[in-house]
Protein backbone atom coordinates (compact mmCIF):
# COMPACT_ATOMS: atom_id res chain seq x y z
CA MET A 1 110.84 107.89 102.86
CA PHE A 2 108.99 105.18 100.96
CA ARG A 3 105.60 103.67 101.67
CA LYS A 4 104.26 100.52 100.04
CA LYS A 5 100.70 100.48 98.73
CA GLY A 6 98.11 99.67 101.35
CA THR A 7 100.35 100.26 104.38
CA ALA A 8 99.27 103.81 105.31
CA GLU A 9 97.00 104.10 108.34
CA LYS A 10 93.54 105.44 107.49
CA LYS A 11 91.92 107.87 109.92
CA GLN A 12 88.53 109.55 109.90
CA LEU A 13 88.73 113.35 109.89
CA LEU A 14 84.99 114.04 109.52
CA GLU A 15 81.89 111.98 108.80
CA GLY A 16 82.57 110.43 105.36
CA VAL A 17 86.09 111.93 105.10
CA HIS A 18 89.14 109.71 105.60
CA LEU A 19 92.86 110.47 105.28
CA SER A 20 95.80 108.16 104.67
CA THR A 21 99.08 110.03 105.05
CA LEU A 22 101.23 108.50 102.32
CA VAL A 23 104.64 110.14 102.82
CA HIS A 24 106.17 113.26 104.30
CA GLY A 25 109.51 115.00 104.47
CA GLU A 26 110.82 118.18 106.06
CA LYS A 27 108.83 120.54 103.80
CA THR A 28 105.90 118.58 102.33
CA LEU A 29 103.28 115.99 103.25
CA MET A 30 101.25 113.93 100.76
CA GLY A 31 97.94 112.34 101.70
CA GLN A 32 95.16 110.39 100.06
CA PHE A 33 91.65 111.51 100.95
CA SER A 34 88.55 109.38 100.48
CA VAL A 35 85.38 111.48 100.55
CA ALA A 36 81.96 109.80 100.49
CA LYS A 37 79.17 111.21 98.30
CA GLY A 38 77.17 113.80 100.26
CA SER A 39 79.98 114.52 102.72
CA ALA A 40 81.32 118.03 103.18
CA ILE A 41 84.41 119.70 104.57
CA PRO A 42 83.22 123.02 106.02
CA ALA A 43 84.87 126.31 105.05
CA HIS A 44 88.21 126.70 106.81
CA SER A 45 91.69 128.06 106.26
CA HIS A 46 95.23 127.09 107.27
CA PRO A 47 98.69 128.47 106.53
CA HIS A 48 99.62 125.50 104.30
CA GLU A 49 99.64 125.68 100.49
CA GLN A 50 97.49 122.76 99.29
CA THR A 51 98.03 121.20 95.86
CA GLY A 52 95.71 118.41 94.75
CA PHE A 53 94.92 115.88 92.04
CA MET A 54 91.50 114.25 91.57
CA VAL A 55 91.96 110.48 91.15
CA SER A 56 88.27 109.59 90.91
CA GLY A 57 84.84 111.02 91.63
CA LYS A 58 83.53 114.58 91.59
CA LEU A 59 83.87 117.40 94.13
CA ARG A 60 82.59 120.96 94.35
CA PHE A 61 85.14 123.37 95.82
CA ASN A 62 84.37 126.81 97.20
CA ILE A 63 87.66 128.73 97.41
CA GLU A 64 87.39 132.37 98.51
CA ASN A 65 83.78 132.39 97.16
CA GLU A 66 84.81 130.95 93.76
CA VAL A 67 82.94 127.69 93.06
CA MET A 68 84.56 125.02 90.89
CA GLU A 69 83.55 121.43 90.18
CA VAL A 70 86.45 119.02 89.69
CA GLU A 71 86.49 115.54 88.17
CA ALA A 72 89.05 112.76 87.68
CA GLY A 73 92.23 114.15 86.13
CA ASP A 74 91.69 117.73 87.37
CA SER A 75 94.15 119.47 89.70
CA TRP A 76 94.32 122.61 91.85
CA CYS A 77 96.47 124.69 94.15
CA ILE A 78 94.94 126.52 97.13
CA PRO A 79 97.15 129.28 98.57
CA GLY A 80 97.95 129.22 102.27
CA GLY A 81 95.43 131.30 104.23
CA ALA A 82 92.67 131.04 101.59
CA GLU A 83 89.25 130.08 102.98
CA HIS A 84 87.97 126.94 101.29
CA GLY A 85 85.49 124.09 101.67
CA VAL A 86 84.37 121.13 99.60
CA GLU A 87 81.28 119.02 98.95
CA ALA A 88 81.41 115.48 97.52
CA LEU A 89 79.07 115.08 94.55
CA GLU A 90 80.26 111.47 94.11
CA ASP A 91 82.43 109.08 96.11
CA SER A 92 85.86 110.60 95.52
CA VAL A 93 89.57 109.90 95.95
CA VAL A 94 92.03 112.81 96.02
CA ILE A 95 95.80 113.07 96.43
CA GLU A 96 96.91 116.30 98.12
CA ILE A 97 100.28 117.78 99.04
CA PHE A 98 100.67 120.30 101.87
CA SER A 99 103.57 122.68 102.39
CA PRO A 100 104.79 123.18 105.01
CA VAL A 101 104.04 119.81 106.59
CA ARG A 102 100.68 119.63 108.39
CA GLU A 103 101.67 118.40 111.83
CA ASP A 104 98.06 117.31 112.50
CA TYR A 105 98.25 114.91 109.52
CA LEU A 106 101.44 113.13 110.57
CA PRO A 107 100.98 109.42 111.31
């Protein structure tokens, strides 16, 4: 599967949080998240492993009660089942990969 720049549909997940699903296969899904400064994704968990790369901005993650601030160029991997949430300290753009595929993020 290929997707040309700018062709992915953008959908709002929460106030100030938007997702563009870039590509997906049988085992992985890659999405681009735009998170507005001051927005938050409340603590939650899911069975998917979540690997991410910070393109721009600054976020504060809380993963299983460990707090970490990430900036452009930083990356992470959140194990499936781990409780996590995030707060946007700046307007941010993140690329994340989920395995297995998150059915709720399919276009």
